[in-house]
Structure formats: C-alpha cells, structure tokens
Amino acid sequence: VTATANVGTAFADLQLPATVKATLVDGTQKDLAVTWAEGDYDGSKAGTYTLEGTITLADGVMNLMDLKASATVTVAESTTLQGSGTKEDPFLVSSAHELDLMRNYSLRYNSAYFSITEDIDLGGSADGNAENWTPLGTESLPFSGKVNGNGHTISGLYINDADARYVGLFGSIENSTVENLTVEVESITSKLYAGGLA
C-alpha cells in the first residue's frame, strides 16, 4: 500500500485502505479488514513513513506467521494553499512554507485575501543557523494581497543581504492591507529600505 499526504495531515486523516487483499495458500484471494498503527508517523514533517497494519482474520482464514500489512506514506510540502482567495473564502496560511507560497498568489493587479491561522516561526536566528527569508513582493512586483493575521505572530524574521533594497516580511506592497498581525524580527541586514513588516 502506498499513499501521499501534505505536511500537516494528521494520522486520522490519512487515506489508508480499510481492507487489504490477501492471497491464501490455495491461490485464492480474500479482502481482509486491517487496522493501521500510527507508529512513528509525524504529519508535521516531510518524509517517508512505513506503517504497520494488523489484519483481522475472516472465518476459515489463518495467519500462522502473524503477517502484517504494510503501507508507505510519503509526506510532502503542499504546493497550493487551501481556500479560493476571496474575502469570504481566503487562502489559509498556517506554516512558514505556506507563508512563502503567498508570493505566488498575490502580486500586482491580483489582490487575493489571506488568513493567518497559526503563529508561525520562520526559523531565523542570528547564531549562524538562520533561515534567510525572501521578502514577499519586490519593487517591480509589489505584493497586493489583503492579509488578516487574526492576532497571530510571525517570529524569527531573519534577512542578511547587504545589497538588498526593500526588505522585511514584505519587500514591497501596493494597494494591500495587513492587519491583526505581529511580526518579531530576529535580524535584518540590507542596503536600503528595511523594516519588520515592509
């Protein structure tokens, strides 16, 4: 059994089969119920996980070797955001990866709506183990989305580019609103026009 899931998918939400097809000693096949164990599955981290399933035997079927079902689940970062980007159904953003995806949805003349649903740590650190953030929107292609932070905080903002202009969480914004959002800066180094938000 193989399955794929996006980062953030809980074990209970995995699309795993409720039955597996077993081949009996006489060559016939039978669908048997299976119960999957969570094991070391961690839906918050991309990777490949092997899950074990306990088979429920049907009448007349024996499992003398105590064989188990096996499923390989590949968890990967999503390349799309949930929602349609309208005011009534905004794009939902709950992780650093999804925050980064916002740049694909709202550049000049494309004013989408976004809703931050969790506190987000960008992983920035001045101790040499930093995640260098690329600002959303540029001088030539400003970000023009409408962002509701819903009281959440984006922390760990780290930018180290001595030649850069227009840096912050957003590089450049135009006809945009950002509200109910706290941005915590770790460190920003740039040439010109730096700020926490934009």
Protein backbone atom coordinates (compact mmCIF):
# COMPACT_ATOMS: atom_id res chain seq x y z
CA VAL A 1 0.00 0.00 0.00
CA THR A 2 1.32 3.45 -0.89
CA ALA A 3 -0.16 6.84 -0.02
CA THR A 4 0.77 10.51 -0.18
CA ALA A 5 -0.17 13.38 2.12
CA ASN A 6 0.61 17.05 2.59
CA VAL A 7 2.56 18.30 5.57
CA GLY A 8 0.05 18.96 8.33
CA THR A 9 -2.05 15.86 7.63
CA ALA A 10 -2.98 14.09 10.86
CA PHE A 11 -2.71 10.32 11.09
CA ALA A 12 -6.50 10.04 11.38
CA ASP A 13 -6.88 11.91 8.09
CA LEU A 14 -4.62 9.65 6.02
CA GLN A 15 -6.39 7.97 3.13
CA LEU A 16 -5.42 4.41 4.02
CA PRO A 17 -7.48 1.42 2.88
CA ALA A 18 -9.78 -0.28 5.35
CA THR A 19 -9.07 -3.68 3.77
CA VAL A 20 -6.15 -5.44 2.14
CA LYS A 21 -6.22 -8.25 -0.39
CA ALA A 22 -4.63 -11.43 0.97
CA THR A 23 -3.58 -14.40 -1.14
CA LEU A 24 -4.41 -17.69 0.58
CA VAL A 25 -2.42 -20.93 0.32
CA ASP A 26 -4.86 -22.31 -2.25
CA GLY A 27 -4.18 -19.31 -4.50
CA THR A 28 -7.49 -17.60 -3.92
CA GLN A 29 -7.67 -14.01 -2.74
CA LYS A 30 -9.74 -12.51 0.01
CA ASP A 31 -10.29 -8.93 1.24
CA LEU A 32 -9.47 -8.70 4.94
CA ALA A 33 -10.02 -5.79 7.31
CA VAL A 34 -6.88 -4.03 8.54
CA THR A 35 -6.19 -1.69 11.46
CA TRP A 36 -3.27 0.67 10.92
CA ALA A 37 -0.88 1.62 13.73
CA GLU A 38 0.39 5.21 13.87
CA GLY A 39 3.97 4.15 14.65
CA ASP A 40 6.46 6.98 14.15
CA TYR A 41 4.26 8.88 11.70
CA ASP A 42 4.67 12.66 12.06
CA GLY A 43 2.47 14.61 9.70
CA SER A 44 4.19 17.87 10.63
CA LYS A 45 7.42 16.77 8.95
CA ALA A 46 8.07 15.89 5.32
CA GLY A 47 9.43 12.39 4.83
CA THR A 48 8.58 8.77 4.10
CA TYR A 49 6.93 6.68 6.80
CA THR A 50 6.28 2.93 6.93
CA LEU A 51 3.13 1.97 8.79
CA GLU A 52 2.14 -1.46 10.02
CA GLY A 53 -1.37 -2.85 9.92
CA THR A 54 -2.92 -5.65 11.93
CA ILE A 55 -5.09 -7.93 9.82
CA THR A 56 -8.46 -9.10 11.08
CA LEU A 57 -8.94 -12.72 10.02
CA ALA A 58 -12.13 -13.90 8.39
CA ASP A 59 -13.77 -17.24 9.12
CA GLY A 60 -11.64 -20.09 7.83
CA VAL A 61 -8.54 -17.93 7.36
CA MET A 62 -5.41 -18.47 9.44
CA ASN A 63 -2.29 -16.34 9.78
CA LEU A 64 0.20 -18.77 11.28
CA MET A 65 3.19 -16.49 10.58
CA ASP A 66 1.42 -13.44 12.04
CA LEU A 67 1.96 -11.47 8.83
CA LYS A 68 1.22 -7.73 8.92
CA ALA A 69 0.05 -5.31 6.27
CA SER A 70 2.48 -2.55 5.32
CA ALA A 71 1.87 0.95 3.99
CA THR A 72 4.40 3.50 2.76
CA VAL A 73 3.23 7.08 3.28
CA THR A 74 5.10 9.97 1.66
CA VAL A 75 4.51 13.34 3.34
CA ALA A 76 5.45 16.37 1.24
CA GLU A 77 5.04 20.12 1.40
CA SER A 78 1.91 21.28 -0.39
CA THR A 79 2.37 23.44 -3.47
CA THR A 80 -1.02 25.12 -3.09
CA LEU A 81 -2.96 26.94 -0.38
CA GLN A 82 -6.37 25.94 0.89
CA GLY A 83 -9.14 28.40 0.07
CA SER A 84 -10.08 30.34 -3.04
CA GLY A 85 -8.55 33.72 -2.13
CA THR A 86 -11.82 35.61 -1.87
CA LYS A 87 -12.91 37.72 1.09
CA GLU A 88 -15.45 35.04 2.03
CA ASP A 89 -13.03 32.13 1.48
CA PRO A 90 -9.47 33.43 1.96
CA PHE A 91 -6.33 31.42 1.38
CA LEU A 92 -5.36 29.77 4.71
CA VAL A 93 -1.78 30.14 5.93
CA SER A 94 -0.52 28.12 8.92
CA SER A 95 3.20 27.47 8.33
CA ALA A 96 6.39 29.10 7.06
CA HIS A 97 6.10 27.09 3.86
CA GLU A 98 2.54 28.31 3.25
CA LEU A 99 3.59 31.88 4.05
CA ASP A 100 6.25 31.55 1.38
CA LEU A 101 3.61 30.32 -1.10
CA MET A 102 1.73 33.60 -0.71
CA ARG A 103 4.15 35.19 -3.16
CA ASN A 104 2.63 33.05 -5.94
CA TYR A 105 -0.91 34.23 -5.30
CA SER A 106 -0.92 37.99 -4.91
CA LEU A 107 1.36 40.16 -6.99
CA ARG A 108 0.42 43.43 -8.68
CA TYR A 109 -3.17 43.52 -10.00
CA ASN A 110 -4.02 40.24 -8.29
CA SER A 111 -5.42 41.16 -4.89
CA ALA A 112 -6.16 37.91 -3.07
CA TYR A 113 -7.28 37.53 0.55
CA PHE A 114 -5.23 35.59 3.11
CA SER A 115 -5.95 34.44 6.66
CA ILE A 116 -3.13 33.54 9.06
CA THR A 117 -4.44 30.66 11.17
CA GLU A 118 -1.46 29.86 13.44
CA ASP A 119 1.59 31.52 14.97
CA ILE A 120 4.46 30.99 12.52
CA ASP A 121 8.18 30.70 13.27
CA LEU A 122 10.32 31.49 10.22
CA GLY A 123 13.32 29.88 11.90
CA GLY A 124 15.56 32.94 11.77
CA SER A 125 18.43 33.04 14.21
CA ALA A 126 21.48 35.25 14.48
CA ASP A 127 23.63 32.37 15.77
CA GLY A 128 24.66 31.19 12.31
CA ASN A 129 21.86 28.66 11.88
CA ALA A 130 19.50 31.08 10.20
CA GLU A 131 16.74 30.60 7.69
CA ASN A 132 17.16 33.61 5.40
CA TRP A 133 13.70 34.94 4.49
CA THR A 134 12.96 36.17 0.96
CA PRO A 135 10.53 39.10 1.27
CA LEU A 136 7.07 38.82 -0.28
CA GLY A 137 6.78 41.26 -3.18
CA THR A 138 9.51 43.20 -4.92
CA GLU A 139 9.97 46.77 -6.11
CA SER A 140 8.87 45.75 -9.60
CA LEU A 141 6.17 43.27 -8.50
CA PRO A 142 4.66 44.52 -5.23
CA PHE A 143 2.54 42.30 -3.03
CA SER A 144 -1.08 43.44 -3.26
CA GLY A 145 -2.94 40.97 -1.06
CA LYS A 146 -5.22 41.54 1.90
CA VAL A 147 -3.83 39.77 4.99
CA ASN A 148 -5.68 39.16 8.25
CA GLY A 149 -3.31 37.93 10.94
CA ASN A 150 -6.16 37.07 13.32
CA GLY A 151 -4.00 38.13 16.27
CA HIS A 152 -1.18 35.71 15.42
CA THR A 153 2.58 36.32 15.50
CA ILE A 154 5.20 35.69 12.84
CA SER A 155 8.55 35.33 14.58
CA GLY A 156 12.14 34.56 13.60
CA LEU A 157 12.32 37.02 10.68
CA TYR A 158 15.96 36.99 9.55
CA ILE A 159 17.32 38.65 6.41
CA ASN A 160 21.01 39.01 5.64
CA ASP A 161 21.60 40.62 2.24
CA ALA A 162 23.86 43.67 2.27
CA ASP A 163 22.95 44.51 -1.35
CA ALA A 164 19.18 44.25 -0.99
CA ARG A 165 16.62 47.05 -1.07
CA TYR A 166 13.04 46.89 0.18
CA VAL A 167 13.28 44.10 2.73
CA GLY A 168 11.10 42.93 5.57
CA LEU A 169 8.39 40.30 5.82
CA PHE A 170 7.15 42.07 2.69
CA GLY A 171 9.60 43.64 0.27
CA SER A 172 7.14 46.00 -1.36
CA ILE A 173 3.38 46.29 -1.05
CA GLU A 174 0.82 48.16 -3.13
CA ASN A 175 -2.94 48.50 -2.57
CA SER A 176 -2.51 45.99 0.24
CA THR A 177 -3.73 45.72 3.83
CA VAL A 178 -2.08 43.76 6.62
CA GLU A 179 -3.96 43.75 9.92
CA ASN A 180 -4.09 41.97 13.28
CA LEU A 181 -0.56 40.61 12.80
CA THR A 182 2.57 40.86 14.96
CA VAL A 183 6.00 40.45 13.33
CA GLU A 184 9.02 39.69 15.52
CA VAL A 185 12.37 40.44 13.86
CA GLU A 186 15.47 38.43 14.68
CA SER A 187 17.84 40.42 12.48
CA ILE A 188 17.72 42.36 9.19
CA THR A 189 20.76 43.46 7.19
CA SER A 190 20.20 45.28 3.91
CA LYS A 191 21.33 48.24 1.81
CA LEU A 192 18.17 50.36 1.82
CA TYR A 193 14.54 50.44 2.98
CA ALA A 194 14.36 47.77 5.67
CA GLY A 195 11.52 47.17 8.11
CA GLY A 196 9.90 44.39 10.07
CA LEU A 197 6.68 44.41 8.09
CA ALA A 198 7.76 46.11 4.86
